N, C-alpha and C. Protein backbone atom coordinates (compact mmCIF):
# COMPACT_ATOMS: atom_id res chain seq x y z
N UNK A 1 80.97 -12.58 21.41
CA UNK A 1 79.67 -11.91 21.47
C UNK A 1 79.12 -11.62 20.07
N UNK A 2 79.98 -11.19 19.19
CA UNK A 2 79.58 -10.88 17.83
C UNK A 2 79.08 -12.15 17.14
N UNK A 3 79.78 -13.27 17.36
CA UNK A 3 79.38 -14.56 16.78
C UNK A 3 78.03 -14.99 17.31
N UNK A 4 77.83 -14.87 18.61
CA UNK A 4 76.56 -15.26 19.25
C UNK A 4 75.42 -14.38 18.73
N UNK A 5 75.66 -13.09 18.60
CA UNK A 5 74.67 -12.16 18.11
C UNK A 5 74.30 -12.49 16.66
N UNK A 6 75.30 -12.85 15.88
CA UNK A 6 75.09 -13.22 14.48
C UNK A 6 74.24 -14.50 14.38
N UNK A 7 74.52 -15.48 15.28
CA UNK A 7 73.75 -16.74 15.30
C UNK A 7 72.29 -16.47 15.68
N UNK A 8 72.09 -15.58 16.66
CA UNK A 8 70.72 -15.22 17.06
C UNK A 8 69.98 -14.55 15.91
N UNK A 9 70.67 -13.67 15.21
CA UNK A 9 70.06 -13.02 14.04
C UNK A 9 69.68 -14.05 12.99
N UNK A 10 70.57 -15.01 12.74
CA UNK A 10 70.29 -16.08 11.78
C UNK A 10 69.07 -16.88 12.20
N UNK A 11 69.01 -17.20 13.51
CA UNK A 11 67.86 -17.96 14.03
C UNK A 11 66.56 -17.17 13.84
N UNK A 12 66.62 -15.87 14.12
CA UNK A 12 65.43 -15.02 13.95
C UNK A 12 65.00 -15.00 12.48
N UNK A 13 65.97 -14.86 11.58
CA UNK A 13 65.67 -14.82 10.15
C UNK A 13 65.05 -16.15 9.71
N UNK A 14 65.64 -17.27 10.17
CA UNK A 14 65.10 -18.59 9.81
C UNK A 14 63.69 -18.78 10.39
N UNK A 15 63.51 -18.34 11.64
CA UNK A 15 62.19 -18.46 12.28
C UNK A 15 61.16 -17.62 11.52
N UNK A 16 61.52 -16.40 11.16
CA UNK A 16 60.60 -15.54 10.40
C UNK A 16 60.25 -16.16 9.06
N UNK A 17 61.25 -16.71 8.38
CA UNK A 17 61.03 -17.35 7.08
C UNK A 17 60.11 -18.56 7.23
N UNK A 18 60.39 -19.34 8.28
CA UNK A 18 59.56 -20.53 8.55
C UNK A 18 58.11 -20.11 8.83
N UNK A 19 57.93 -19.07 9.64
CA UNK A 19 56.59 -18.55 9.95
C UNK A 19 55.90 -18.01 8.71
N UNK A 20 56.67 -17.32 7.87
CA UNK A 20 56.12 -16.75 6.64
C UNK A 20 55.61 -17.86 5.72
N UNK A 21 56.43 -18.91 5.58
CA UNK A 21 56.05 -20.04 4.74
C UNK A 21 54.82 -20.75 5.32
N UNK A 22 54.79 -20.93 6.64
CA UNK A 22 53.65 -21.58 7.29
C UNK A 22 52.38 -20.74 7.11
N UNK A 23 52.51 -19.42 7.24
CA UNK A 23 51.35 -18.54 7.07
C UNK A 23 50.86 -18.59 5.63
N UNK A 24 51.80 -18.61 4.69
CA UNK A 24 51.44 -18.69 3.27
C UNK A 24 50.69 -20.00 2.99
N UNK A 25 51.20 -21.09 3.54
CA UNK A 25 50.56 -22.40 3.37
C UNK A 25 49.14 -22.38 3.97
N UNK A 26 49.03 -21.77 5.15
CA UNK A 26 47.73 -21.69 5.83
C UNK A 26 46.73 -20.88 5.00
N UNK A 27 47.19 -19.74 4.45
CA UNK A 27 46.30 -18.92 3.62
C UNK A 27 45.86 -19.69 2.38
N UNK A 28 46.79 -20.41 1.78
CA UNK A 28 46.47 -21.19 0.58
C UNK A 28 45.42 -22.26 0.91
N UNK A 29 45.60 -22.92 2.06
CA UNK A 29 44.65 -23.94 2.50
C UNK A 29 43.26 -23.35 2.72
N UNK A 30 43.23 -22.18 3.38
CA UNK A 30 41.95 -21.50 3.64
C UNK A 30 41.28 -21.09 2.33
N UNK A 31 42.07 -20.60 1.39
CA UNK A 31 41.53 -20.20 0.08
C UNK A 31 40.95 -21.40 -0.65
N UNK A 32 41.67 -22.53 -0.62
CA UNK A 32 41.18 -23.74 -1.28
C UNK A 32 39.88 -24.21 -0.63
N UNK A 33 39.84 -24.13 0.70
CA UNK A 33 38.64 -24.53 1.44
C UNK A 33 37.45 -23.64 1.06
N UNK A 34 37.70 -22.33 0.99
CA UNK A 34 36.65 -21.37 0.61
C UNK A 34 36.19 -21.63 -0.82
N UNK A 35 37.14 -21.90 -1.73
CA UNK A 35 36.78 -22.19 -3.12
C UNK A 35 35.91 -23.44 -3.21
N UNK A 36 36.29 -24.47 -2.46
CA UNK A 36 35.53 -25.72 -2.47
C UNK A 36 34.11 -25.48 -1.95
N UNK A 37 33.99 -24.74 -0.86
CA UNK A 37 32.66 -24.43 -0.30
C UNK A 37 31.82 -23.63 -1.30
N UNK A 38 32.46 -22.70 -1.99
CA UNK A 38 31.74 -21.89 -2.97
C UNK A 38 31.24 -22.77 -4.12
N UNK A 39 32.07 -23.71 -4.57
CA UNK A 39 31.66 -24.63 -5.64
C UNK A 39 30.48 -25.48 -5.18
N UNK A 40 30.55 -25.99 -3.94
CA UNK A 40 29.45 -26.79 -3.40
C UNK A 40 28.17 -25.96 -3.32
N UNK A 41 28.31 -24.70 -2.89
CA UNK A 41 27.16 -23.80 -2.80
C UNK A 41 26.53 -23.60 -4.18
N UNK A 42 27.36 -23.32 -5.18
CA UNK A 42 26.87 -23.12 -6.54
C UNK A 42 26.14 -24.37 -7.04
N UNK A 43 26.72 -25.53 -6.77
CA UNK A 43 26.12 -26.79 -7.19
C UNK A 43 24.75 -26.99 -6.52
N UNK A 44 24.68 -26.70 -5.23
CA UNK A 44 23.41 -26.83 -4.50
C UNK A 44 22.36 -25.84 -5.01
N UNK A 45 22.80 -24.64 -5.35
CA UNK A 45 21.88 -23.64 -5.90
C UNK A 45 21.29 -24.13 -7.23
N UNK A 46 22.15 -24.70 -8.08
CA UNK A 46 21.68 -25.23 -9.37
C UNK A 46 20.70 -26.38 -9.15
N UNK A 47 21.03 -27.26 -8.21
CA UNK A 47 20.14 -28.39 -7.92
C UNK A 47 18.81 -27.89 -7.37
N UNK A 48 18.87 -26.89 -6.51
CA UNK A 48 17.65 -26.30 -5.94
C UNK A 48 16.76 -25.71 -7.03
N UNK A 49 17.37 -24.97 -7.95
CA UNK A 49 16.62 -24.38 -9.06
C UNK A 49 15.97 -25.47 -9.91
N UNK A 50 16.73 -26.52 -10.18
CA UNK A 50 16.23 -27.64 -10.97
C UNK A 50 15.05 -28.32 -10.27
N UNK A 51 15.18 -28.53 -8.96
CA UNK A 51 14.11 -29.17 -8.19
C UNK A 51 12.86 -28.28 -8.14
N UNK A 52 13.04 -26.98 -8.03
CA UNK A 52 11.89 -26.06 -8.03
C UNK A 52 11.15 -26.14 -9.36
N UNK A 53 11.94 -26.20 -10.46
CA UNK A 53 11.32 -26.34 -11.79
C UNK A 53 10.52 -27.64 -11.86
N UNK A 54 11.12 -28.73 -11.37
CA UNK A 54 10.45 -30.03 -11.41
C UNK A 54 9.18 -30.00 -10.56
N UNK A 55 9.24 -29.37 -9.40
CA UNK A 55 8.05 -29.25 -8.53
C UNK A 55 6.95 -28.48 -9.25
N UNK A 56 7.34 -27.42 -9.95
CA UNK A 56 6.36 -26.64 -10.72
C UNK A 56 5.68 -27.48 -11.78
N UNK A 57 6.47 -28.27 -12.52
CA UNK A 57 5.90 -29.13 -13.57
C UNK A 57 4.97 -30.18 -12.95
N UNK A 58 5.40 -30.79 -11.84
CA UNK A 58 4.57 -31.81 -11.20
C UNK A 58 3.29 -31.21 -10.63
N UNK A 59 3.37 -29.99 -10.11
CA UNK A 59 2.17 -29.31 -9.60
C UNK A 59 1.19 -29.05 -10.73
N UNK A 60 1.71 -28.58 -11.87
CA UNK A 60 0.85 -28.36 -13.03
C UNK A 60 0.20 -29.67 -13.49
N UNK A 61 1.00 -30.74 -13.52
CA UNK A 61 0.47 -32.04 -13.93
C UNK A 61 -0.61 -32.52 -12.96
N UNK A 62 -0.39 -32.32 -11.66
CA UNK A 62 -1.37 -32.72 -10.65
C UNK A 62 -2.68 -31.95 -10.83
N UNK A 63 -2.58 -30.64 -11.10
CA UNK A 63 -3.79 -29.84 -11.33
C UNK A 63 -4.55 -30.36 -12.55
N UNK A 64 -3.80 -30.62 -13.62
CA UNK A 64 -4.42 -31.13 -14.85
C UNK A 64 -5.12 -32.47 -14.59
N UNK A 65 -4.42 -33.38 -13.92
CA UNK A 65 -5.00 -34.70 -13.67
C UNK A 65 -6.20 -34.61 -12.73
N UNK A 66 -6.16 -33.68 -11.79
CA UNK A 66 -7.32 -33.49 -10.90
C UNK A 66 -8.54 -33.02 -11.69
N UNK A 67 -8.30 -32.10 -12.63
CA UNK A 67 -9.39 -31.62 -13.48
C UNK A 67 -9.95 -32.75 -14.34
N UNK A 68 -9.05 -33.56 -14.93
CA UNK A 68 -9.48 -34.70 -15.76
C UNK A 68 -10.30 -35.67 -14.91
N UNK A 69 -9.83 -35.93 -13.67
CA UNK A 69 -10.57 -36.84 -12.79
C UNK A 69 -11.95 -36.28 -12.46
N UNK A 70 -12.03 -34.98 -12.15
CA UNK A 70 -13.34 -34.38 -11.85
C UNK A 70 -14.28 -34.51 -13.04
N UNK A 71 -13.76 -34.22 -14.23
CA UNK A 71 -14.58 -34.35 -15.44
C UNK A 71 -15.04 -35.79 -15.63
N UNK A 72 -14.12 -36.73 -15.37
CA UNK A 72 -14.45 -38.14 -15.55
C UNK A 72 -15.50 -38.59 -14.53
N UNK A 73 -15.36 -38.10 -13.29
CA UNK A 73 -16.31 -38.50 -12.24
C UNK A 73 -17.74 -38.09 -12.60
N UNK A 74 -17.91 -36.98 -13.32
CA UNK A 74 -19.23 -36.51 -13.70
C UNK A 74 -19.93 -37.48 -14.65
N UNK A 75 -19.14 -38.18 -15.48
CA UNK A 75 -19.75 -39.03 -16.51
C UNK A 75 -19.55 -40.53 -16.29
N UNK A 76 -18.80 -40.91 -15.27
CA UNK A 76 -18.47 -42.32 -15.08
C UNK A 76 -19.66 -43.08 -14.48
N UNK A 77 -20.20 -44.08 -15.22
CA UNK A 77 -21.34 -44.84 -14.69
C UNK A 77 -20.95 -45.66 -13.47
N UNK A 78 -19.74 -46.12 -13.40
CA UNK A 78 -19.31 -46.93 -12.25
C UNK A 78 -19.43 -46.11 -10.97
N UNK A 79 -18.97 -44.86 -11.00
CA UNK A 79 -19.05 -44.03 -9.81
C UNK A 79 -20.49 -43.74 -9.43
N UNK A 80 -21.37 -43.51 -10.43
CA UNK A 80 -22.78 -43.28 -10.12
C UNK A 80 -23.40 -44.50 -9.48
N UNK A 81 -23.08 -45.66 -10.01
CA UNK A 81 -23.63 -46.90 -9.45
C UNK A 81 -23.15 -47.11 -8.02
N UNK A 82 -21.88 -46.98 -7.82
CA UNK A 82 -21.35 -47.26 -6.49
C UNK A 82 -21.78 -46.22 -5.48
N UNK A 83 -21.93 -44.97 -5.92
CA UNK A 83 -22.33 -43.93 -4.97
C UNK A 83 -23.83 -44.02 -4.67
N UNK A 84 -24.63 -44.34 -5.66
CA UNK A 84 -26.08 -44.24 -5.50
C UNK A 84 -26.78 -45.54 -5.15
N UNK A 85 -26.25 -46.68 -5.65
CA UNK A 85 -27.06 -47.91 -5.52
C UNK A 85 -26.38 -49.03 -4.74
N UNK A 86 -25.18 -49.39 -5.10
CA UNK A 86 -24.57 -50.58 -4.48
C UNK A 86 -23.22 -50.23 -3.87
N UNK A 87 -22.83 -51.06 -2.91
CA UNK A 87 -21.54 -50.81 -2.26
C UNK A 87 -20.42 -51.58 -2.97
N UNK A 88 -20.76 -52.68 -3.64
CA UNK A 88 -19.75 -53.45 -4.38
C UNK A 88 -19.98 -53.21 -5.86
N UNK A 89 -18.95 -52.71 -6.61
CA UNK A 89 -19.15 -52.44 -8.04
C UNK A 89 -19.42 -53.70 -8.83
N UNK A 90 -20.34 -53.59 -9.79
CA UNK A 90 -20.64 -54.74 -10.66
C UNK A 90 -19.57 -54.82 -11.74
N UNK A 91 -19.15 -56.01 -12.13
CA UNK A 91 -18.13 -56.16 -13.17
C UNK A 91 -18.56 -55.53 -14.50
N UNK A 92 -19.87 -55.64 -14.85
CA UNK A 92 -20.32 -55.06 -16.12
C UNK A 92 -20.26 -53.53 -16.08
N UNK A 93 -20.50 -52.95 -14.93
CA UNK A 93 -20.39 -51.47 -14.79
C UNK A 93 -18.94 -51.06 -14.92
N UNK A 94 -18.07 -51.84 -14.30
CA UNK A 94 -16.63 -51.55 -14.37
C UNK A 94 -16.15 -51.67 -15.83
N UNK A 95 -16.60 -52.69 -16.51
CA UNK A 95 -16.17 -52.90 -17.90
C UNK A 95 -16.63 -51.77 -18.79
N UNK A 96 -17.84 -51.24 -18.54
CA UNK A 96 -18.33 -50.15 -19.39
C UNK A 96 -17.58 -48.85 -19.12
N UNK A 97 -16.95 -48.76 -17.97
CA UNK A 97 -16.26 -47.54 -17.60
C UNK A 97 -14.83 -47.52 -18.11
N UNK A 98 -14.22 -48.69 -18.21
CA UNK A 98 -12.80 -48.76 -18.58
C UNK A 98 -12.60 -48.60 -20.08
N UNK A 99 -11.46 -48.02 -20.49
CA UNK A 99 -11.17 -47.90 -21.93
C UNK A 99 -10.95 -49.28 -22.56
N UNK A 100 -11.26 -49.40 -23.87
CA UNK A 100 -11.11 -50.69 -24.53
C UNK A 100 -9.98 -50.67 -25.49
């Protein structure tokens, strides 16, 4: 009986140790997974910030180009001709409008 009891105690100790090691491994895996997700999150946040900056610059550029276009439309002879007189632009009107 003493031998059997001792074997059962050994089995319990081994089982507890095995469970402890498995739990430790599981916690380590979960920690690594959480760390990886946090790194991905940080990376996405940086990319998001960068894209917002780029959108801001492109929006500013679009506003500027829209203003330039409006100013150009006021003085462009080609646009006056096509809007007021003819439906097909004349090549000489187009040539006078384009930069040389």
